[in-house]
């Protein structure tokens, strides 16, 4: 009983700093509103929000996103993007920095989606 109460209290304290706009995409990837521009962007959060970094993820003003075990895909007002997930994504990219493909047109994204098994863009702000 004490462990359950302690776990509940810890959850409340831990999530007190969570962004209410944070939407989980897959693994350590979240959509979060950037405070300086109010645009939704893709962040890597190894331990979940609030410990997030935008790293070199240049995708801003996200309209939709999706993720699976192999890829994260994003639609923004500038086009479509995707990146292949790697084993080191939670501990740092090491010698495997994220390789973002895009911006792609809708037709090119659809072709890549069929060829590679990219996820549905079912996560919306």
PDB file of N, CA and C in Angstrom:
ATOM      1  N   UNK A   1       0.831  -1.190   0.000  1.00  0.00           N
ATOM      2  CA  UNK A   1       0.000   0.000   0.000  1.00  0.00           C
ATOM      3  C   UNK A   1       0.871   1.247   0.000  1.00  0.00           C
ATOM      4  N   UNK A   2       1.923   1.247   0.839  1.00  0.00           N
ATOM      5  CA  UNK A   2       2.819   2.400   0.893  1.00  0.00           C
ATOM      6  C   UNK A   2       3.534   2.557  -0.444  1.00  0.00           C
ATOM      7  N   UNK A   3       3.955   1.434  -1.042  1.00  0.00           N
ATOM      8  CA  UNK A   3       4.653   1.495  -2.330  1.00  0.00           C
ATOM      9  C   UNK A   3       3.745   2.090  -3.397  1.00  0.00           C
ATOM     10  N   UNK A   4       2.456   1.720  -3.386  1.00  0.00           N
ATOM     11  CA  UNK A   4       1.524   2.242  -4.374  1.00  0.00           C
ATOM     12  C   UNK A   4       1.328   3.743  -4.182  1.00  0.00           C
ATOM     13  N   UNK A   5       1.194   4.196  -2.926  1.00  0.00           N
ATOM     14  CA  UNK A   5       1.040   5.622  -2.648  1.00  0.00           C
ATOM     15  C   UNK A   5       2.291   6.388  -3.048  1.00  0.00           C
ATOM     16  N   UNK A   6       3.449   5.812  -2.729  1.00  0.00           N
ATOM     17  CA  UNK A   6       4.707   6.455  -3.086  1.00  0.00           C
ATOM     18  C   UNK A   6       4.864   6.534  -4.602  1.00  0.00           C
ATOM     19  N   UNK A   7       4.501   5.470  -5.291  1.00  0.00           N
ATOM     20  CA  UNK A   7       4.592   5.470  -6.754  1.00  0.00           C
ATOM     21  C   UNK A   7       3.660   6.518  -7.346  1.00  0.00           C
ATOM     22  N   UNK A   8       2.455   6.647  -6.805  1.00  0.00           N
ATOM     23  CA  UNK A   8       1.514   7.659  -7.283  1.00  0.00           C
ATOM     24  C   UNK A   8       2.027   9.061  -7.047  1.00  0.00           C
ATOM     25  N   UNK A   9       2.600   9.300  -5.864  1.00  0.00           N
ATOM     26  CA  UNK A   9       3.150  10.622  -5.550  1.00  0.00           C
ATOM     27  C   UNK A   9       4.335  10.930  -6.451  1.00  0.00           C
ATOM     28  N   UNK A  10       5.180   9.937  -6.701  1.00  0.00           N
ATOM     29  CA  UNK A  10       6.331  10.135  -7.566  1.00  0.00           C
ATOM     30  C   UNK A  10       5.883  10.462  -8.985  1.00  0.00           C
ATOM     31  N   UNK A  11       4.838   9.798  -9.466  1.00  0.00           N
ATOM     32  CA  UNK A  11       4.309  10.078 -10.799  1.00  0.00           C
ATOM     33  C   UNK A  11       3.843  11.523 -10.898  1.00  0.00           C
ATOM     34  N   UNK A  12       3.124  12.009  -9.878  1.00  0.00           N
ATOM     35  CA  UNK A  12       2.638  13.387  -9.884  1.00  0.00           C
ATOM     36  C   UNK A  12       3.802  14.360  -9.898  1.00  0.00           C
ATOM     37  N   UNK A  13       4.817  14.118  -9.072  1.00  0.00           N
ATOM     38  CA  UNK A  13       5.982  15.002  -9.027  1.00  0.00           C
ATOM     39  C   UNK A  13       6.734  14.951 -10.354  1.00  0.00           C
ATOM     40  N   UNK A  14       6.930  13.754 -10.895  1.00  0.00           N
ATOM     41  CA  UNK A  14       7.657  13.607 -12.148  1.00  0.00           C
ATOM     42  C   UNK A  14       6.942  14.317 -13.283  1.00  0.00           C
ATOM     43  N   UNK A  15       5.641  14.200 -13.349  1.00  0.00           N
ATOM     44  CA  UNK A  15       4.896  14.795 -14.450  1.00  0.00           C
ATOM     45  C   UNK A  15       4.531  16.248 -14.212  1.00  0.00           C
ATOM     46  N   UNK A  16       4.895  16.793 -13.061  1.00  0.00           N
ATOM     47  CA  UNK A  16       4.598  18.202 -12.822  1.00  0.00           C
ATOM     48  C   UNK A  16       5.292  19.078 -13.849  1.00  0.00           C
ATOM     49  N   UNK A  17       6.455  18.652 -14.344  1.00  0.00           N
ATOM     50  CA  UNK A  17       7.174  19.427 -15.343  1.00  0.00           C
ATOM     51  C   UNK A  17       6.871  19.008 -16.767  1.00  0.00           C
ATOM     52  N   UNK A  18       5.999  18.029 -16.949  1.00  0.00           N
ATOM     53  CA  UNK A  18       5.689  17.570 -18.296  1.00  0.00           C
ATOM     54  C   UNK A  18       4.907  18.633 -19.050  1.00  0.00           C
ATOM     55  N   UNK A  19       5.227  18.772 -20.303  1.00  0.00           N
ATOM     56  CA  UNK A  19       4.488  19.709 -21.134  1.00  0.00           C
ATOM     57  C   UNK A  19       3.120  19.116 -21.427  1.00  0.00           C
ATOM     58  N   UNK A  20       2.038  19.874 -21.195  1.00  0.00           N
ATOM     59  CA  UNK A  20       0.715  19.335 -21.487  1.00  0.00           C
ATOM     60  C   UNK A  20       0.536  19.073 -22.976  1.00  0.00           C
ATOM     61  N   UNK A  21       1.362  19.712 -23.799  1.00  0.00           N
ATOM     62  CA  UNK A  21       1.244  19.542 -25.238  1.00  0.00           C
ATOM     63  C   UNK A  21       2.094  18.387 -25.754  1.00  0.00           C
ATOM     64  N   UNK A  22       2.844  17.705 -24.890  1.00  0.00           N
ATOM     65  CA  UNK A  22       3.712  16.608 -25.333  1.00  0.00           C
ATOM     66  C   UNK A  22       2.862  15.430 -25.781  1.00  0.00           C
ATOM     67  N   UNK A  23       3.089  14.991 -27.013  1.00  0.00           N
ATOM     68  CA  UNK A  23       2.386  13.832 -27.560  1.00  0.00           C
ATOM     69  C   UNK A  23       3.428  12.788 -27.935  1.00  0.00           C
ATOM     70  N   UNK A  24       3.313  11.613 -27.362  1.00  0.00           N
ATOM     71  CA  UNK A  24       4.271  10.543 -27.633  1.00  0.00           C
ATOM     72  C   UNK A  24       4.087  10.040 -29.064  1.00  0.00           C
ATOM     73  N   UNK A  25       5.193   9.889 -29.787  1.00  0.00           N
ATOM     74  CA  UNK A  25       5.160   9.375 -31.157  1.00  0.00           C
ATOM     75  C   UNK A  25       5.619   7.918 -31.161  1.00  0.00           C
ATOM     76  N   UNK A  26       6.857   7.663 -30.725  1.00  0.00           N
ATOM     77  CA  UNK A  26       7.413   6.305 -30.638  1.00  0.00           C
ATOM     78  C   UNK A  26       8.745   6.391 -29.919  1.00  0.00           C
ATOM     79  N   UNK A  27       9.048   5.377 -29.098  1.00  0.00           N
ATOM     80  CA  UNK A  27      10.327   5.378 -28.388  1.00  0.00           C
ATOM     81  C   UNK A  27      10.535   6.687 -27.661  1.00  0.00           C
ATOM     82  N   UNK A  28      11.683   7.325 -27.845  1.00  0.00           N
ATOM     83  CA  UNK A  28      11.943   8.578 -27.138  1.00  0.00           C
ATOM     84  C   UNK A  28      11.476   9.821 -27.902  1.00  0.00           C
ATOM     85  N   UNK A  29      10.670   9.666 -28.936  1.00  0.00           N
ATOM     86  CA  UNK A  29      10.267  10.803 -29.765  1.00  0.00           C
ATOM     87  C   UNK A  29       8.888  11.323 -29.377  1.00  0.00           C
ATOM     88  N   UNK A  30       8.820  12.647 -29.230  1.00  0.00           N
ATOM     89  CA  UNK A  30       7.597  13.330 -28.822  1.00  0.00           C
ATOM     90  C   UNK A  30       7.377  14.560 -29.690  1.00  0.00           C
ATOM     91  N   UNK A  31       6.115  14.937 -29.837  1.00  0.00           N
ATOM     92  CA  UNK A  31       5.778  16.235 -30.418  1.00  0.00           C
ATOM     93  C   UNK A  31       5.563  17.190 -29.262  1.00  0.00           C
ATOM     94  N   UNK A  32       6.276  18.315 -29.285  1.00  0.00           N
ATOM     95  CA  UNK A  32       6.198  19.293 -28.203  1.00  0.00           C
ATOM     96  C   UNK A  32       6.174  20.685 -28.815  1.00  0.00           C
ATOM     97  N   UNK A  33       5.382  21.555 -28.209  1.00  0.00           N
ATOM     98  CA  UNK A  33       5.315  22.938 -28.665  1.00  0.00           C
ATOM     99  C   UNK A  33       6.582  23.678 -28.254  1.00  0.00           C
ATOM    100  N   UNK A  34       7.210  24.352 -29.194  1.00  0.00           N
ATOM    101  CA  UNK A  34       8.406  25.150 -28.895  1.00  0.00           C
ATOM    102  C   UNK A  34       7.964  26.448 -28.237  1.00  0.00           C
ATOM    103  N   UNK A  35       8.492  26.765 -27.062  1.00  0.00           N
ATOM    104  CA  UNK A  35       8.024  27.945 -26.332  1.00  0.00           C
ATOM    105  C   UNK A  35       8.266  29.255 -27.070  1.00  0.00           C
ATOM    106  N   UNK A  36       9.366  29.335 -27.817  1.00  0.00           N
ATOM    107  CA  UNK A  36       9.684  30.605 -28.464  1.00  0.00           C
ATOM    108  C   UNK A  36       8.847  30.881 -29.708  1.00  0.00           C
ATOM    109  N   UNK A  37       8.311  29.842 -30.340  1.00  0.00           N
ATOM    110  CA  UNK A  37       7.562  30.055 -31.583  1.00  0.00           C
ATOM    111  C   UNK A  37       6.152  29.481 -31.554  1.00  0.00           C
ATOM    112  N   UNK A  38       5.862  28.657 -30.551  1.00  0.00           N
ATOM    113  CA  UNK A  38       4.576  27.971 -30.427  1.00  0.00           C
ATOM    114  C   UNK A  38       4.322  26.992 -31.575  1.00  0.00           C
ATOM    115  N   UNK A  39       5.373  26.681 -32.347  1.00  0.00           N
ATOM    116  CA  UNK A  39       5.270  25.656 -33.374  1.00  0.00           C
ATOM    117  C   UNK A  39       5.463  24.297 -32.720  1.00  0.00           C
ATOM    118  N   UNK A  40       4.786  23.294 -33.249  1.00  0.00           N
ATOM    119  CA  UNK A  40       4.971  21.932 -32.775  1.00  0.00           C
ATOM    120  C   UNK A  40       6.201  21.359 -33.472  1.00  0.00           C
ATOM    121  N   UNK A  41       7.096  20.729 -32.708  1.00  0.00           N
ATOM    122  CA  UNK A  41       8.334  20.185 -33.261  1.00  0.00           C
ATOM    123  C   UNK A  41       8.560  18.773 -32.737  1.00  0.00           C
ATOM    124  N   UNK A  42       9.405  18.019 -33.436  1.00  0.00           N
ATOM    125  CA  UNK A  42       9.775  16.670 -33.028  1.00  0.00           C
ATOM    126  C   UNK A  42      10.991  16.755 -32.115  1.00  0.00           C
ATOM    127  N   UNK A  43      10.863  16.215 -30.908  1.00  0.00           N
ATOM    128  CA  UNK A  43      11.940  16.206 -29.916  1.00  0.00           C
ATOM    129  C   UNK A  43      12.315  14.776 -29.583  1.00  0.00           C
ATOM    130  N   UNK A  44      13.568  14.588 -29.165  1.00  0.00           N
ATOM    131  CA  UNK A  44      14.016  13.301 -28.624  1.00  0.00           C
ATOM    132  C   UNK A  44      14.104  13.464 -27.120  1.00  0.00           C
ATOM    133  N   UNK A  45      13.353  12.645 -26.388  1.00  0.00           N
ATOM    134  CA  UNK A  45      13.282  12.715 -24.926  1.00  0.00           C
ATOM    135  C   UNK A  45      13.682  11.343 -24.371  1.00  0.00           C
ATOM    136  N   UNK A  46      14.972  11.102 -24.127  1.00  0.00           N
ATOM    137  CA  UNK A  46      15.429   9.772 -23.703  1.00  0.00           C
ATOM    138  C   UNK A  46      14.718   9.239 -22.466  1.00  0.00           C
ATOM    139  N   UNK A  47      14.378  10.121 -21.528  1.00  0.00           N
ATOM    140  CA  UNK A  47      13.685   9.706 -20.309  1.00  0.00           C
ATOM    141  C   UNK A  47      12.269  10.246 -20.260  1.00  0.00           C
ATOM    142  N   UNK A  48      11.733  10.634 -21.393  1.00  0.00           N
ATOM    143  CA  UNK A  48      10.411  11.238 -21.443  1.00  0.00           C
ATOM    144  C   UNK A  48      10.481  12.706 -21.066  1.00  0.00           C
ATOM    145  N   UNK A  49       9.394  13.449 -21.317  1.00  0.00           N
ATOM    146  CA  UNK A  49       9.389  14.861 -20.932  1.00  0.00           C
ATOM    147  C   UNK A  49       9.558  14.961 -19.428  1.00  0.00           C
ATOM    148  N   UNK A  50      10.213  15.964 -18.898  1.00  0.00           N
ATOM    149  CA  UNK A  50      10.706  17.171 -19.549  1.00  0.00           C
ATOM    150  C   UNK A  50      12.155  17.097 -20.000  1.00  0.00           C
ATOM    151  N   UNK A  51      12.821  15.949 -19.940  1.00  0.00           N
ATOM    152  CA  UNK A  51      14.230  15.865 -20.328  1.00  0.00           C
ATOM    153  C   UNK A  51      14.398  15.704 -21.817  1.00  0.00           C
ATOM    154  N   UNK A  52      14.064  16.734 -22.569  1.00  0.00           N
ATOM    155  CA  UNK A  52      14.033  16.631 -24.025  1.00  0.00           C
ATOM    156  C   UNK A  52      15.074  17.522 -24.688  1.00  0.00           C
ATOM    157  N   UNK A  53      15.442  17.120 -25.889  1.00  0.00           N
ATOM    158  CA  UNK A  53      16.355  17.923 -26.703  1.00  0.00           C
ATOM    159  C   UNK A  53      15.861  17.891 -28.138  1.00  0.00           C
ATOM    160  N   UNK A  54      15.913  19.024 -28.788  1.00  0.00           N
ATOM    161  CA  UNK A  54      15.497  19.049 -30.187  1.00  0.00           C
ATOM    162  C   UNK A  54      16.609  18.513 -31.074  1.00  0.00           C
ATOM    163  N   UNK A  55      17.835  18.386 -30.489  1.00  0.00           N
ATOM    164  CA  UNK A  55      18.980  17.867 -31.237  1.00  0.00           C
ATOM    165  C   UNK A  55      19.090  18.610 -32.564  1.00  0.00           C
ATOM    166  N   UNK A  56      19.262  17.859 -33.603  1.00  0.00           N
ATOM    167  CA  UNK A  56      19.331  18.446 -34.941  1.00  0.00           C
ATOM    168  C   UNK A  56      18.096  18.048 -35.741  1.00  0.00           C
ATOM    169  N   UNK A  57      16.975  17.891 -35.070  1.00  0.00           N
ATOM    170  CA  UNK A  57      15.736  17.523 -35.745  1.00  0.00           C
ATOM    171  C   UNK A  57      15.102  18.807 -36.285  1.00  0.00           C
ATOM    172  N   UNK A  58      15.223  19.070 -37.576  1.00  0.00           N
ATOM    173  CA  UNK A  58      14.813  20.358 -38.123  1.00  0.00           C
ATOM    174  C   UNK A  58      13.338  20.464 -38.471  1.00  0.00           C
ATOM    175  N   UNK A  59      12.530  19.494 -38.079  1.00  0.00           N
ATOM    176  CA  UNK A  59      11.136  19.474 -38.505  1.00  0.00           C
ATOM    177  C   UNK A  59      10.298  20.341 -37.570  1.00  0.00           C
ATOM    178  N   UNK A  60       9.816  21.460 -38.095  1.00  0.00           N
ATOM    179  CA  UNK A  60       8.999  22.387 -37.316  1.00  0.00           C
ATOM    180  C   UNK A  60       7.603  22.471 -37.903  1.00  0.00           C
ATOM    181  N   UNK A  61       6.714  23.040 -37.124  1.00  0.00           N
ATOM    182  CA  UNK A  61       5.316  23.212 -37.504  1.00  0.00           C
ATOM    183  C   UNK A  61       4.714  21.885 -37.975  1.00  0.00           C
ATOM    184  N   UNK A  62       4.804  20.896 -37.105  1.00  0.00           N
ATOM    185  CA  UNK A  62       4.336  19.543 -37.396  1.00  0.00           C
ATOM    186  C   UNK A  62       2.811  19.516 -37.426  1.00  0.00           C
ATOM    187  N   UNK A  63       2.274  18.885 -38.453  1.00  0.00           N
ATOM    188  CA  UNK A  63       0.831  18.729 -38.610  1.00  0.00           C
ATOM    189  C   UNK A  63       0.366  17.337 -38.197  1.00  0.00           C
ATOM    190  N   UNK A  64       1.225  16.338 -38.377  1.00  0.00           N
ATOM    191  CA  UNK A  64       0.902  14.952 -38.018  1.00  0.00           C
ATOM    192  C   UNK A  64       2.205  14.164 -37.915  1.00  0.00           C
ATOM    193  N   UNK A  65       2.158  13.073 -37.160  1.00  0.00           N
ATOM    194  CA  UNK A  65       3.340  12.221 -36.996  1.00  0.00           C
ATOM    195  C   UNK A  65       2.892  10.787 -36.764  1.00  0.00           C
ATOM    196  N   UNK A  66       3.831   9.892 -36.885  1.00  0.00           N
ATOM    197  CA  UNK A  66       3.571   8.489 -36.606  1.00  0.00           C
ATOM    198  C   UNK A  66       4.885   7.776 -36.361  1.00  0.00           C
ATOM    199  N   UNK A  67       4.812   6.666 -35.673  1.00  0.00           N
ATOM    200  CA  UNK A  67       6.017   5.915 -35.392  1.00  0.00           C
ATOM    201  C   UNK A  67       5.728   4.436 -35.290  1.00  0.00           C
ATOM    202  N   UNK A  68       6.740   3.643 -35.563  1.00  0.00           N
ATOM    203  CA  UNK A  68       6.665   2.204 -35.345  1.00  0.00           C
ATOM    204  C   UNK A  68       8.033   1.750 -34.839  1.00  0.00           C
ATOM    205  N   UNK A  69       8.298   0.466 -34.839  1.00  0.00           N
ATOM    206  CA  UNK A  69       9.567  -0.039 -34.312  1.00  0.00           C
ATOM    207  C   UNK A  69      10.774   0.355 -35.162  1.00  0.00           C
ATOM    208  N   UNK A  70      10.538   0.776 -36.392  1.00  0.00           N
ATOM    209  CA  UNK A  70      11.645   1.032 -37.313  1.00  0.00           C
ATOM    210  C   UNK A  70      11.796   2.483 -37.763  1.00  0.00           C
ATOM    211  N   UNK A  71      10.700   3.240 -37.787  1.00  0.00           N
ATOM    212  CA  UNK A  71      10.734   4.596 -38.337  1.00  0.00           C
ATOM    213  C   UNK A  71       9.875   5.553 -37.523  1.00  0.00           C
ATOM    214  N   UNK A  72      10.210   6.840 -37.653  1.00  0.00           N
ATOM    215  CA  UNK A  72       9.351   7.938 -37.219  1.00  0.00           C
ATOM    216  C   UNK A  72       9.106   8.766 -38.473  1.00  0.00           C
ATOM    217  N   UNK A  73       7.853   9.123 -38.717  1.00  0.00           N
ATOM    218  CA  UNK A  73       7.494   9.925 -39.885  1.00  0.00           C
ATOM    219  C   UNK A  73       6.718  11.147 -39.425  1.00  0.00           C
ATOM    220  N   UNK A  74       6.906  12.245 -40.154  1.00  0.00           N
ATOM    221  CA  UNK A  74       6.300  13.517 -39.770  1.00  0.00           C
ATOM    222  C   UNK A  74       5.821  14.248 -41.015  1.00  0.00           C
ATOM    223  N   UNK A  75       4.652  14.870 -40.895  1.00  0.00           N
ATOM    224  CA  UNK A  75       4.169  15.792 -41.919  1.00  0.00           C
ATOM    225  C   UNK A  75       4.209  17.184 -41.320  1.00  0.00           C
ATOM    226  N   UNK A  76       4.832  18.111 -42.029  1.00  0.00           N
ATOM    227  CA  UNK A  76       4.835  19.504 -41.583  1.00  0.00           C
ATOM    228  C   UNK A  76       4.303  20.364 -42.716  1.00  0.00           C
ATOM    229  N   UNK A  77       4.225  21.653 -42.460  1.00  0.00           N
ATOM    230  CA  UNK A  77       3.766  22.538 -43.525  1.00  0.00           C
ATOM    231  C   UNK A  77       4.820  22.682 -44.620  1.00  0.00           C
ATOM    232  N   UNK A  78       5.992  22.102 -44.420  1.00  0.00           N
ATOM    233  CA  UNK A  78       7.076  22.172 -45.407  1.00  0.00           C
ATOM    234  C   UNK A  78       7.234  20.868 -46.199  1.00  0.00           C
ATOM    235  N   UNK A  79       6.474  19.838 -45.870  1.00  0.00           N
ATOM    236  CA  UNK A  79       6.569  18.564 -46.563  1.00  0.00           C
ATOM    237  C   UNK A  79       6.555  17.398 -45.592  1.00  0.00           C
ATOM    238  N   UNK A  80       6.996  16.250 -46.063  1.00  0.00           N
ATOM    239  CA  UNK A  80       7.016  15.015 -45.287  1.00  0.00           C
ATOM    240  C   UNK A  80       8.464  14.621 -45.009  1.00  0.00           C
ATOM    241  N   UNK A  81       8.681  14.026 -43.831  1.00  0.00           N
ATOM    242  CA  UNK A  81      10.021  13.624 -43.400  1.00  0.00           C
ATOM    243  C   UNK A  81       9.924  12.255 -42.731  1.00  0.00           C
ATOM    244  N   UNK A  82      11.037  11.531 -42.729  1.00  0.00           N
ATOM    245  CA  UNK A  82      11.107  10.320 -41.912  1.00  0.00           C
ATOM    246  C   UNK A  82      12.542  10.085 -41.482  1.00  0.00           C
ATOM    247  N   UNK A  83      12.696   9.321 -40.408  1.00  0.00           N
ATOM    248  CA  UNK A  83      14.013   8.900 -39.949  1.00  0.00           C
ATOM    249  C   UNK A  83      13.922   7.470 -39.467  1.00  0.00           C
ATOM    250  N   UNK A  84      15.015   6.757 -39.660  1.00  0.00           N
ATOM    251  CA  UNK A  84      15.104   5.362 -39.207  1.00  0.00           C
ATOM    252  C   UNK A  84      15.517   5.371 -37.740  1.00  0.00           C
ATOM    253  N   UNK A  85      14.806   4.626 -36.925  1.00  0.00           N
ATOM    254  CA  UNK A  85      15.153   4.510 -35.510  1.00  0.00           C
ATOM    255  C   UNK A  85      16.363   3.595 -35.362  1.00  0.00           C
ATOM    256  N   UNK A  86      17.214   3.902 -34.373  1.00  0.00           N
ATOM    257  CA  UNK A  86      18.408   3.096 -34.127  1.00  0.00           C
ATOM    258  C   UNK A  86      18.459   2.690 -32.658  1.00  0.00           C
ATOM    259  N   UNK A  87      19.254   1.687 -32.364  1.00  0.00           N
ATOM    260  CA  UNK A  87      19.321   1.151 -30.997  1.00  0.00           C
ATOM    261  C   UNK A  87      19.808   2.186 -29.988  1.00  0.00           C
ATOM    262  N   UNK A  88      20.668   3.107 -30.388  1.00  0.00           N
ATOM    263  CA  UNK A  88      21.248   4.073 -29.457  1.00  0.00           C
ATOM    264  C   UNK A  88      20.382   5.315 -29.257  1.00  0.00           C
ATOM    265  N   UNK A  89      19.169   5.339 -29.756  1.00  0.00           N
ATOM    266  CA  UNK A  89      18.385   6.576 -29.726  1.00  0.00           C
ATOM    267  C   UNK A  89      18.079   7.072 -28.314  1.00  0.00           C
ATOM    268  N   UNK A  90      18.064   6.206 -27.322  1.00  0.00           N
ATOM    269  CA  UNK A  90      17.797   6.648 -25.949  1.00  0.00           C
ATOM    270  C   UNK A  90      19.054   7.124 -25.229  1.00  0.00           C
ATOM    271  N   UNK A  91      20.208   6.585 -25.591  1.00  0.00           N
ATOM    272  CA  UNK A  91      21.438   6.913 -24.871  1.00  0.00           C
ATOM    273  C   UNK A  91      22.301   7.930 -25.601  1.00  0.00           C
ATOM    274  N   UNK A  92      21.875   8.381 -26.716  1.00  0.00           N
ATOM    275  CA  UNK A  92      22.667   9.294 -27.533  1.00  0.00           C
ATOM    276  C   UNK A  92      22.932   8.639 -28.865  1.00  0.00           C
ATOM    277  N   UNK A  93      23.171   9.434 -29.838  1.00  0.00           N
ATOM    278  CA  UNK A  93      23.293   8.906 -31.190  1.00  0.00           C
ATOM    279  C   UNK A  93      24.681   8.377 -31.486  1.00  0.00           C
ATOM    280  N   UNK A  94      25.670   8.752 -30.676  1.00  0.00           N
ATOM    281  CA  UNK A  94      27.020   8.258 -30.909  1.00  0.00           C
ATOM    282  C   UNK A  94      27.489   8.572 -32.314  1.00  0.00           C
ATOM    283  N   UNK A  95      27.955   7.567 -33.019  1.00  0.00           N
ATOM    284  CA  UNK A  95      28.408   7.752 -34.395  1.00  0.00           C
ATOM    285  C   UNK A  95      27.287   7.545 -35.401  1.00  0.00           C
ATOM    286  N   UNK A  96      26.054   7.477 -34.921  1.00  0.00           N
ATOM    287  CA  UNK A  96      24.898   7.274 -35.790  1.00  0.00           C
ATOM    288  C   UNK A  96      23.909   8.418 -35.634  1.00  0.00           C
ATOM    289  N   UNK A  97      24.269   9.622 -36.050  1.00  0.00           N
ATOM    290  CA  UNK A  97      23.317  10.718 -35.892  1.00  0.00           C
ATOM    291  C   UNK A  97      22.053  10.440 -36.696  1.00  0.00           C
ATOM    292  N   UNK A  98      20.944  11.021 -36.231  1.00  0.00           N
ATOM    293  CA  UNK A  98      19.703  10.806 -36.959  1.00  0.00           C
ATOM    294  C   UNK A  98      19.870  11.289 -38.391  1.00  0.00           C
ATOM    295  N   UNK A  99      19.390  10.509 -39.301  1.00  0.00           N
ATOM    296  CA  UNK A  99      19.457  10.850 -40.723  1.00  0.00           C
ATOM    297  C   UNK A  99      18.028  11.079 -41.184  1.00  0.00           C
ATOM    298  N   UNK A 100      17.678  12.333 -41.273  1.00  0.00           N
ATOM    299  CA  UNK A 100      16.313  12.688 -41.636  1.00  0.00           C
ATOM    300  C   UNK A 100      16.216  12.809 -43.145  1.00  0.00           C
ATOM    301  N   UNK A 101      15.242  12.131 -43.708  1.00  0.00           N
ATOM    302  CA  UNK A 101      14.981  12.198 -45.138  1.00  0.00           C
ATOM    303  C   UNK A 101      13.820  13.154 -45.338  1.00  0.00           C
ATOM    304  N   UNK A 102      14.002  14.150 -46.183  1.00  0.00           N
ATOM    305  CA  UNK A 102      12.941  15.102 -46.464  1.00  0.00           C
ATOM    306  C   UNK A 102      13.487  16.501 -46.594  1.00  0.00           C
ATOM    307  N   UNK A 103      12.692  17.439 -46.977  1.00  0.00           N
ATOM    308  CA  UNK A 103      11.251  17.299 -47.195  1.00  0.00           C
ATOM    309  C   UNK A 103      10.929  16.548 -48.493  1.00  0.00           C
ATOM    310  N   UNK A 104       9.893  15.740 -48.417  1.00  0.00           N
ATOM    311  CA  UNK A 104       9.396  14.982 -49.558  1.00  0.00           C
ATOM    312  C   UNK A 104       8.016  15.498 -49.944  1.00  0.00           C
ATOM    313  N   UNK A 105       7.682  15.355 -51.216  1.00  0.00           N
ATOM    314  CA  UNK A 105       6.314  15.646 -51.651  1.00  0.00           C
ATOM    315  C   UNK A 105       5.408  14.530 -51.135  1.00  0.00           C
ATOM    316  N   UNK A 106       4.118  14.747 -51.194  1.00  0.00           N
ATOM    317  CA  UNK A 106       3.180  13.711 -50.751  1.00  0.00           C
ATOM    318  C   UNK A 106       3.344  12.440 -51.581  1.00  0.00           C
ATOM    319  N   UNK A 107       3.535  12.586 -52.901  1.00  0.00           N
ATOM    320  CA  UNK A 107       3.702  11.420 -53.773  1.00  0.00           C
ATOM    321  C   UNK A 107       4.979  10.647 -53.423  1.00  0.00           C
ATOM    322  N   UNK A 108       6.086  11.362 -53.195  1.00  0.00           N
ATOM    323  CA  UNK A 108       7.339  10.690 -52.830  1.00  0.00           C
ATOM    324  C   UNK A 108       7.236  10.021 -51.461  1.00  0.00           C
ATOM    325  N   UNK A 109       6.553  10.675 -50.529  1.00  0.00           N
ATOM    326  CA  UNK A 109       6.370  10.085 -49.204  1.00  0.00           C
ATOM    327  C   UNK A 109       5.525   8.817 -49.302  1.00  0.00           C
ATOM    328  N   UNK A 110       4.454   8.863 -50.079  1.00  0.00           N
ATOM    329  CA  UNK A 110       3.588   7.694 -50.245  1.00  0.00           C
ATOM    330  C   UNK A 110       4.370   6.525 -50.841  1.00  0.00           C
ATOM    331  N   UNK A 111       5.215   6.805 -51.829  1.00  0.00           N
ATOM    332  CA  UNK A 111       6.040   5.746 -52.427  1.00  0.00           C
ATOM    333  C   UNK A 111       7.024   5.182 -51.399  1.00  0.00           C
ATOM    334  N   UNK A 112       7.657   6.060 -50.618  1.00  0.00           N
ATOM    335  CA  UNK A 112       8.592   5.604 -49.575  1.00  0.00           C
ATOM    336  C   UNK A 112       7.857   4.809 -48.507  1.00  0.00           C
ATOM    337  N   UNK A 113       6.668   5.245 -48.181  1.00  0.00           N
ATOM    338  CA  UNK A 113       5.868   4.558 -47.164  1.00  0.00           C
ATOM    339  C   UNK A 113       5.575   3.122 -47.587  1.00  0.00           C
ATOM    340  N   UNK A 114       5.183   2.945 -48.832  1.00  0.00           N
ATOM    341  CA  UNK A 114       4.900   1.595 -49.340  1.00  0.00           C
ATOM    342  C   UNK A 114       6.171   0.738 -49.383  1.00  0.00           C
ATOM    343  N   UNK A 115       7.256   1.337 -49.854  1.00  0.00           N
ATOM    344  CA  UNK A 115       8.513   0.599 -50.040  1.00  0.00           C
ATOM    345  C   UNK A 115       9.155   0.203 -48.714  1.00  0.00           C
ATOM    346  N   UNK A 116       9.109   1.114 -47.718  1.00  0.00           N
ATOM    347  CA  UNK A 116       9.836   0.903 -46.461  1.00  0.00           C
ATOM    348  C   UNK A 116       8.962   0.465 -45.285  1.00  0.00           C
ATOM    349  N   UNK A 117       7.657   0.607 -45.419  1.00  0.00           N
ATOM    350  CA  UNK A 117       6.777   0.307 -44.285  1.00  0.00           C
ATOM    351  C   UNK A 117       6.748   1.436 -43.269  1.00  0.00           C
ATOM    352  N   UNK A 118       6.762   2.685 -43.762  1.00  0.00           N
ATOM    353  CA  UNK A 118       6.692   3.832 -42.855  1.00  0.00           C
ATOM    354  C   UNK A 118       5.360   3.822 -42.116  1.00  0.00           C
ATOM    355  N   UNK A 119       5.323   4.379 -40.911  1.00  0.00           N
ATOM    356  CA  UNK A 119       4.097   4.355 -40.108  1.00  0.00           C
ATOM    357  C   UNK A 119       3.032   5.314 -40.631  1.00  0.00           C
ATOM    358  N   UNK A 120       1.793   5.051 -40.230  1.00  0.00           N
ATOM    359  CA  UNK A 120       0.701   5.983 -40.508  1.00  0.00           C
ATOM    360  C   UNK A 120       0.947   7.277 -39.754  1.00  0.00           C
ATOM    361  N   UNK A 121       0.486   8.376 -40.310  1.00  0.00           N
ATOM    362  CA  UNK A 121       0.590   9.684 -39.650  1.00  0.00           C
ATOM    363  C   UNK A 121      -0.689   9.900 -38.849  1.00  0.00           C
ATOM    364  N   UNK A 122      -0.832   9.150 -37.762  1.00  0.00           N
ATOM    365  CA  UNK A 122      -2.083   9.143 -37.008  1.00  0.00           C
ATOM    366  C   UNK A 122      -2.031   9.921 -35.698  1.00  0.00           C
ATOM    367  N   UNK A 123      -0.918  10.575 -35.420  1.00  0.00           N
ATOM    368  CA  UNK A 123      -0.803  11.385 -34.204  1.00  0.00           C
ATOM    369  C   UNK A 123      -0.895  12.839 -34.623  1.00  0.00           C
ATOM    370  N   UNK A 124      -1.917  13.502 -34.132  1.00  0.00           N
ATOM    371  CA  UNK A 124      -2.171  14.893 -34.515  1.00  0.00           C
ATOM    372  C   UNK A 124      -2.180  15.768 -33.274  1.00  0.00           C
ATOM    373  N   UNK A 125      -1.797  17.027 -33.458  1.00  0.00           N
ATOM    374  CA  UNK A 125      -1.788  17.941 -32.291  1.00  0.00           C
ATOM    375  C   UNK A 125      -3.160  18.099 -31.664  1.00  0.00           C
TER     376      UNK A 125
END
